[in-house]
Amino acid sequence: EAFVKGNSEKILESVTDDIIWRMVGN
């Protein structure tokens, strides 16, 4: 829900400092 609302603060507080986000094909 934070993603669709553009709530960067919530997103960033929910991940580790060494986050890896693989967007397949991108």
PDB file of all heavy atoms in Angstrom:
ATOM      1  N   GLU A   1       0.833  -1.208   0.000  1.00  0.00           N
ATOM      2  CA  GLU A   1       0.000   0.000   0.000  1.00  0.00           C
ATOM      3  C   GLU A   1       0.868   1.259   0.000  1.00  0.00           C
ATOM      4  O   GLU A   1       0.533   2.255  -0.636  1.00  0.00           O
ATOM      5  CB  GLU A   1      -0.963  -0.021   1.182  1.00  0.00           C
ATOM      6  CG  GLU A   1      -2.065  -1.056   1.010  1.00  0.00           C
ATOM      7  CD  GLU A   1      -2.928  -1.267   2.238  1.00  0.00           C
ATOM      8  OE1 GLU A   1      -2.598  -0.742   3.332  1.00  0.00           O
ATOM      9  OE2 GLU A   1      -3.942  -1.990   2.113  1.00  0.00           O
ATOM     10  N   ALA A   2       2.005   1.202   0.696  1.00  0.00           N
ATOM     11  CA  ALA A   2       2.923   2.343   0.705  1.00  0.00           C
ATOM     12  C   ALA A   2       3.453   2.622  -0.698  1.00  0.00           C
ATOM     13  O   ALA A   2       3.611   3.783  -1.086  1.00  0.00           O
ATOM     14  CB  ALA A   2       4.082   2.082   1.672  1.00  0.00           C
ATOM     15  N   PHE A   3       3.691   1.573  -1.479  1.00  0.00           N
ATOM     16  CA  PHE A   3       4.156   1.772  -2.855  1.00  0.00           C
ATOM     17  C   PHE A   3       3.128   2.503  -3.694  1.00  0.00           C
ATOM     18  O   PHE A   3       3.460   3.455  -4.391  1.00  0.00           O
ATOM     19  CB  PHE A   3       4.508   0.433  -3.513  1.00  0.00           C
ATOM     20  CG  PHE A   3       5.979   0.181  -3.553  1.00  0.00           C
ATOM     21  CD1 PHE A   3       6.565  -0.660  -2.633  1.00  0.00           C
ATOM     22  CD2 PHE A   3       6.779   0.785  -4.498  1.00  0.00           C
ATOM     23  CE1 PHE A   3       7.923  -0.897  -2.650  1.00  0.00           C
ATOM     24  CE2 PHE A   3       8.141   0.568  -4.533  1.00  0.00           C
ATOM     25  CZ  PHE A   3       8.718  -0.278  -3.603  1.00  0.00           C
ATOM     26  N   VAL A   4       1.876   2.078  -3.642  1.00  0.00           N
ATOM     27  CA  VAL A   4       0.877   2.725  -4.498  1.00  0.00           C
ATOM     28  C   VAL A   4       0.534   4.130  -4.012  1.00  0.00           C
ATOM     29  O   VAL A   4       0.074   4.954  -4.793  1.00  0.00           O
ATOM     30  CB  VAL A   4      -0.411   1.877  -4.674  1.00  0.00           C
ATOM     31  CG1 VAL A   4      -0.100   0.571  -5.372  1.00  0.00           C
ATOM     32  CG2 VAL A   4      -1.132   1.654  -3.380  1.00  0.00           C
ATOM     33  N   LYS A   5       0.779   4.412  -2.739  1.00  0.00           N
ATOM     34  CA  LYS A   5       0.520   5.755  -2.198  1.00  0.00           C
ATOM     35  C   LYS A   5       1.743   6.661  -2.312  1.00  0.00           C
ATOM     36  O   LYS A   5       1.676   7.849  -1.995  1.00  0.00           O
ATOM     37  CB  LYS A   5       0.093   5.655  -0.734  1.00  0.00           C
ATOM     38  CG  LYS A   5      -1.254   4.993  -0.547  1.00  0.00           C
ATOM     39  CD  LYS A   5      -1.592   4.841   0.924  1.00  0.00           C
ATOM     40  CE  LYS A   5      -2.910   4.111   1.096  1.00  0.00           C
ATOM     41  NZ  LYS A   5      -3.164   3.790   2.509  1.00  0.00           N
ATOM     42  N   GLY A   6       2.871   6.104  -2.742  1.00  0.00           N
ATOM     43  CA  GLY A   6       4.094   6.899  -2.852  1.00  0.00           C
ATOM     44  C   GLY A   6       4.698   7.275  -1.514  1.00  0.00           C
ATOM     45  O   GLY A   6       5.373   8.292  -1.386  1.00  0.00           O
ATOM     46  N   ASN A   7       4.487   6.431  -0.498  1.00  0.00           N
ATOM     47  CA  ASN A   7       4.976   6.694   0.848  1.00  0.00           C
ATOM     48  C   ASN A   7       6.412   6.162   0.994  1.00  0.00           C
ATOM     49  O   ASN A   7       6.631   5.083   1.534  1.00  0.00           O
ATOM     50  CB  ASN A   7       4.036   6.063   1.876  1.00  0.00           C
ATOM     51  CG  ASN A   7       4.417   6.400   3.301  1.00  0.00           C
ATOM     52  OD1 ASN A   7       5.504   6.891   3.584  1.00  0.00           O
ATOM     53  ND2 ASN A   7       3.503   6.124   4.219  1.00  0.00           N
ATOM     54  N   SER A   8       7.375   6.943   0.506  1.00  0.00           N
ATOM     55  CA  SER A   8       8.782   6.525   0.529  1.00  0.00           C
ATOM     56  C   SER A   8       9.286   6.268   1.945  1.00  0.00           C
ATOM     57  O   SER A   8      10.077   5.347   2.166  1.00  0.00           O
ATOM     58  CB  SER A   8       9.657   7.577  -0.139  1.00  0.00           C
ATOM     59  OG  SER A   8       9.326   7.702  -1.492  1.00  0.00           O
ATOM     60  N   GLU A   9       8.847   7.066   2.890  1.00  0.00           N
ATOM     61  CA  GLU A   9       9.301   6.903   4.277  1.00  0.00           C
ATOM     62  C   GLU A   9       8.949   5.513   4.803  1.00  0.00           C
ATOM     63  O   GLU A   9       9.790   4.827   5.390  1.00  0.00           O
ATOM     64  CB  GLU A   9       8.677   7.985   5.157  1.00  0.00           C
ATOM     65  CG  GLU A   9       9.168   7.960   6.584  1.00  0.00           C
ATOM     66  CD  GLU A   9       8.586   9.105   7.422  1.00  0.00           C
ATOM     67  OE1 GLU A   9       8.331  10.192   6.868  1.00  0.00           O
ATOM     68  OE2 GLU A   9       8.396   8.883   8.630  1.00  0.00           O
ATOM     69  N   LYS A  10       7.720   5.077   4.585  1.00  0.00           N
ATOM     70  CA  LYS A  10       7.272   3.756   5.029  1.00  0.00           C
ATOM     71  C   LYS A  10       8.061   2.657   4.322  1.00  0.00           C
ATOM     72  O   LYS A  10       8.462   1.672   4.945  1.00  0.00           O
ATOM     73  CB  LYS A  10       5.767   3.595   4.771  1.00  0.00           C
ATOM     74  CG  LYS A  10       5.216   2.221   5.070  1.00  0.00           C
ATOM     75  CD  LYS A  10       5.204   1.944   6.545  1.00  0.00           C
ATOM     76  CE  LYS A  10       4.500   0.624   6.830  1.00  0.00           C
ATOM     77  NZ  LYS A  10       4.673   0.216   8.216  1.00  0.00           N
ATOM     78  N   ILE A  11       8.279   2.830   3.033  1.00  0.00           N
ATOM     79  CA  ILE A  11       9.025   1.832   2.259  1.00  0.00           C
ATOM     80  C   ILE A  11      10.438   1.697   2.817  1.00  0.00           C
ATOM     81  O   ILE A  11      10.908   0.590   3.093  1.00  0.00           O
ATOM     82  CB  ILE A  11       9.053   2.211   0.768  1.00  0.00           C
ATOM     83  CG1 ILE A  11       7.636   2.141   0.183  1.00  0.00           C
ATOM     84  CG2 ILE A  11      10.020   1.317  -0.004  1.00  0.00           C
ATOM     85  CD1 ILE A  11       7.487   2.817  -1.165  1.00  0.00           C
ATOM     86  N   LEU A  12      11.123   2.822   2.991  1.00  0.00           N
ATOM     87  CA  LEU A  12      12.517   2.797   3.427  1.00  0.00           C
ATOM     88  C   LEU A  12      12.687   2.276   4.846  1.00  0.00           C
ATOM     89  O   LEU A  12      13.689   1.615   5.149  1.00  0.00           O
ATOM     90  CB  LEU A  12      13.137   4.185   3.273  1.00  0.00           C
ATOM     91  CG  LEU A  12      13.253   4.679   1.831  1.00  0.00           C
ATOM     92  CD1 LEU A  12      13.691   6.138   1.795  1.00  0.00           C
ATOM     93  CD2 LEU A  12      14.183   3.798   1.007  1.00  0.00           C
ATOM     94  N   GLU A  13      11.711   2.521   5.708  1.00  0.00           N
ATOM     95  CA  GLU A  13      11.820   2.003   7.079  1.00  0.00           C
ATOM     96  C   GLU A  13      11.501   0.511   7.152  1.00  0.00           C
ATOM     97  O   GLU A  13      11.743  -0.126   8.171  1.00  0.00           O
ATOM     98  CB  GLU A  13      10.934   2.793   8.049  1.00  0.00           C
ATOM     99  CG  GLU A  13       9.457   2.550   7.905  1.00  0.00           C
ATOM    100  CD  GLU A  13       8.594   3.436   8.790  1.00  0.00           C
ATOM    101  OE1 GLU A  13       9.061   4.483   9.247  1.00  0.00           O
ATOM    102  OE2 GLU A  13       7.431   3.055   9.020  1.00  0.00           O
ATOM    103  N   SER A  14      11.003  -0.054   6.055  1.00  0.00           N
ATOM    104  CA  SER A  14      10.614  -1.462   6.022  1.00  0.00           C
ATOM    105  C   SER A  14      11.679  -2.370   5.428  1.00  0.00           C
ATOM    106  O   SER A  14      11.492  -3.584   5.373  1.00  0.00           O
ATOM    107  CB  SER A  14       9.319  -1.629   5.210  1.00  0.00           C
ATOM    108  OG  SER A  14       8.273  -0.878   5.773  1.00  0.00           O
ATOM    109  N   VAL A  15      12.791  -1.797   4.959  1.00  0.00           N
ATOM    110  CA  VAL A  15      13.832  -2.588   4.299  1.00  0.00           C
ATOM    111  C   VAL A  15      15.162  -2.456   5.033  1.00  0.00           C
ATOM    112  O   VAL A  15      15.385  -1.500   5.772  1.00  0.00           O
ATOM    113  CB  VAL A  15      14.001  -2.168   2.815  1.00  0.00           C
ATOM    114  CG1 VAL A  15      12.701  -2.328   2.051  1.00  0.00           C
ATOM    115  CG2 VAL A  15      14.533  -0.749   2.684  1.00  0.00           C
ATOM    116  N   THR A  16      16.043  -3.421   4.786  1.00  0.00           N
ATOM    117  CA  THR A  16      17.381  -3.373   5.365  1.00  0.00           C
ATOM    118  C   THR A  16      18.263  -2.425   4.541  1.00  0.00           C
ATOM    119  O   THR A  16      17.932  -2.108   3.397  1.00  0.00           O
ATOM    120  CB  THR A  16      18.034  -4.777   5.382  1.00  0.00           C
ATOM    121  OG1 THR A  16      18.138  -5.252   4.039  1.00  0.00           O
ATOM    122  CG2 THR A  16      17.217  -5.749   6.228  1.00  0.00           C
ATOM    123  N   ASP A  17      19.376  -2.015   5.124  1.00  0.00           N
ATOM    124  CA  ASP A  17      20.299  -1.110   4.420  1.00  0.00           C
ATOM    125  C   ASP A  17      20.887  -1.759   3.166  1.00  0.00           C
ATOM    126  O   ASP A  17      21.223  -1.074   2.204  1.00  0.00           O
ATOM    127  CB  ASP A  17      21.443  -0.678   5.348  1.00  0.00           C
ATOM    128  CG  ASP A  17      20.976   0.281   6.439  1.00  0.00           C
ATOM    129  OD1 ASP A  17      19.863   0.831   6.325  1.00  0.00           O
ATOM    130  OD2 ASP A  17      21.728   0.473   7.415  1.00  0.00           O
ATOM    131  N   ASP A  18      20.995  -3.101   3.184  1.00  0.00           N
ATOM    132  CA  ASP A  18      21.589  -3.815   2.049  1.00  0.00           C
ATOM    133  C   ASP A  18      20.527  -4.478   1.163  1.00  0.00           C
ATOM    134  O   ASP A  18      20.795  -5.489   0.509  1.00  0.00           O
ATOM    135  CB  ASP A  18      22.615  -4.835   2.531  1.00  0.00           C
ATOM    136  CG  ASP A  18      22.011  -5.897   3.447  1.00  0.00           C
ATOM    137  OD1 ASP A  18      20.858  -5.725   3.915  1.00  0.00           O
ATOM    138  OD2 ASP A  18      22.692  -6.913   3.704  1.00  0.00           O
ATOM    139  N   ILE A  19      19.348  -3.877   1.103  1.00  0.00           N
ATOM    140  CA  ILE A  19      18.241  -4.394   0.299  1.00  0.00           C
ATOM    141  C   ILE A  19      18.682  -4.699  -1.136  1.00  0.00           C
ATOM    142  O   ILE A  19      19.474  -3.945  -1.712  1.00  0.00           O
ATOM    143  CB  ILE A  19      17.057  -3.388   0.282  1.00  0.00           C
ATOM    144  CG1 ILE A  19      15.887  -3.889  -0.580  1.00  0.00           C
ATOM    145  CG2 ILE A  19      17.506  -2.021  -0.210  1.00  0.00           C
ATOM    146  CD1 ILE A  19      15.101  -5.004  -0.007  1.00  0.00           C
ATOM    147  N   ILE A  20      18.177  -5.794  -1.667  1.00  0.00           N
ATOM    148  CA  ILE A  20      18.351  -6.112  -3.086  1.00  0.00           C
ATOM    149  C   ILE A  20      16.955  -6.287  -3.669  1.00  0.00           C
ATOM    150  O   ILE A  20      16.175  -7.101  -3.178  1.00  0.00           O
ATOM    151  CB  ILE A  20      19.180  -7.394  -3.299  1.00  0.00           C
ATOM    152  CG1 ILE A  20      20.589  -7.202  -2.753  1.00  0.00           C
ATOM    153  CG2 ILE A  20      19.203  -7.774  -4.788  1.00  0.00           C
ATOM    154  CD1 ILE A  20      21.433  -8.456  -2.776  1.00  0.00           C
ATOM    155  N   TRP A  21      16.637  -5.501  -4.705  1.00  0.00           N
ATOM    156  CA  TRP A  21      15.336  -5.584  -5.366  1.00  0.00           C
ATOM    157  C   TRP A  21      15.581  -5.904  -6.837  1.00  0.00           C
ATOM    158  O   TRP A  21      16.061  -5.074  -7.598  1.00  0.00           O
ATOM    159  CB  TRP A  21      14.562  -4.279  -5.215  1.00  0.00           C
ATOM    160  CG  TRP A  21      13.206  -4.269  -5.846  1.00  0.00           C
ATOM    161  CD1 TRP A  21      12.481  -5.354  -6.270  1.00  0.00           C
ATOM    162  CD2 TRP A  21      12.398  -3.130  -6.115  1.00  0.00           C
ATOM    163  NE1 TRP A  21      11.281  -4.955  -6.786  1.00  0.00           N
ATOM    164  CE2 TRP A  21      11.196  -3.587  -6.708  1.00  0.00           C
ATOM    165  CE3 TRP A  21      12.574  -1.773  -5.923  1.00  0.00           C
ATOM    166  CZ2 TRP A  21      10.193  -2.724  -7.099  1.00  0.00           C
ATOM    167  CZ3 TRP A  21      11.567  -0.915  -6.317  1.00  0.00           C
ATOM    168  CH2 TRP A  21      10.386  -1.385  -6.888  1.00  0.00           C
ATOM    169  N   ARG A  22      15.280  -7.135  -7.201  1.00  0.00           N
ATOM    170  CA  ARG A  22      15.476  -7.586  -8.582  1.00  0.00           C
ATOM    171  C   ARG A  22      14.146  -7.535  -9.308  1.00  0.00           C
ATOM    172  O   ARG A  22      13.205  -8.238  -8.942  1.00  0.00           O
ATOM    173  CB  ARG A  22      16.045  -9.003  -8.613  1.00  0.00           C
ATOM    174  CG  ARG A  22      16.343  -9.476 -10.027  1.00  0.00           C
ATOM    175  CD  ARG A  22      17.217 -10.706 -10.054  1.00  0.00           C
ATOM    176  NE  ARG A  22      16.744 -11.791  -9.231  1.00  0.00           N
ATOM    177  CZ  ARG A  22      16.205 -12.914  -9.726  1.00  0.00           C
ATOM    178  NH1 ARG A  22      16.052 -13.086 -11.011  1.00  0.00           N
ATOM    179  NH2 ARG A  22      15.825 -13.868  -8.892  1.00  0.00           N
ATOM    180  N   MET A  23      14.064  -6.693 -10.317  1.00  0.00           N
ATOM    181  CA  MET A  23      12.873  -6.574 -11.151  1.00  0.00           C
ATOM    182  C   MET A  23      13.162  -7.371 -12.416  1.00  0.00           C
ATOM    183  O   MET A  23      13.909  -6.920 -13.285  1.00  0.00           O
ATOM    184  CB  MET A  23      12.565  -5.112 -11.442  1.00  0.00           C
ATOM    185  CG  MET A  23      12.161  -4.357 -10.175  1.00  0.00           C
ATOM    186  SD  MET A  23      12.178  -2.577 -10.379  1.00  0.00           S
ATOM    187  CE  MET A  23      13.898  -2.234  -9.996  1.00  0.00           C
ATOM    188  N   VAL A  24      12.604  -8.570 -12.487  1.00  0.00           N
ATOM    189  CA  VAL A  24      12.916  -9.514 -13.551  1.00  0.00           C
ATOM    190  C   VAL A  24      12.658  -8.876 -14.910  1.00  0.00           C
ATOM    191  O   VAL A  24      11.590  -8.311 -15.153  1.00  0.00           O
ATOM    192  CB  VAL A  24      12.104 -10.815 -13.368  1.00  0.00           C
ATOM    193  CG1 VAL A  24      12.330 -11.760 -14.542  1.00  0.00           C
ATOM    194  CG2 VAL A  24      12.456 -11.475 -12.044  1.00  0.00           C
ATOM    195  N   GLY A  25      13.667  -8.938 -15.782  1.00  0.00           N
ATOM    196  CA  GLY A  25      13.568  -8.343 -17.104  1.00  0.00           C
ATOM    197  C   GLY A  25      13.861  -6.860 -17.120  1.00  0.00           C
ATOM    198  O   GLY A  25      13.766  -6.211 -18.158  1.00  0.00           O
ATOM    199  N   ASN A  26      14.235  -6.312 -15.970  1.00  0.00           N
ATOM    200  CA  ASN A  26      14.486  -4.878 -15.869  1.00  0.00           C
ATOM    201  C   ASN A  26      15.745  -4.667 -15.032  1.00  0.00           C
ATOM    202  O   ASN A  26      16.757  -5.286 -15.286  1.00  0.00           O
ATOM    203  CB  ASN A  26      13.255  -4.175 -15.263  1.00  0.00           C
ATOM    204  CG  ASN A  26      13.142  -2.725 -15.642  1.00  0.00           C
ATOM    205  OD1 ASN A  26      14.094  -2.120 -16.080  1.00  0.00           O
ATOM    206  ND2 ASN A  26      11.963  -2.164 -15.445  1.00  0.00           N
TER     207      ASN A  26
END
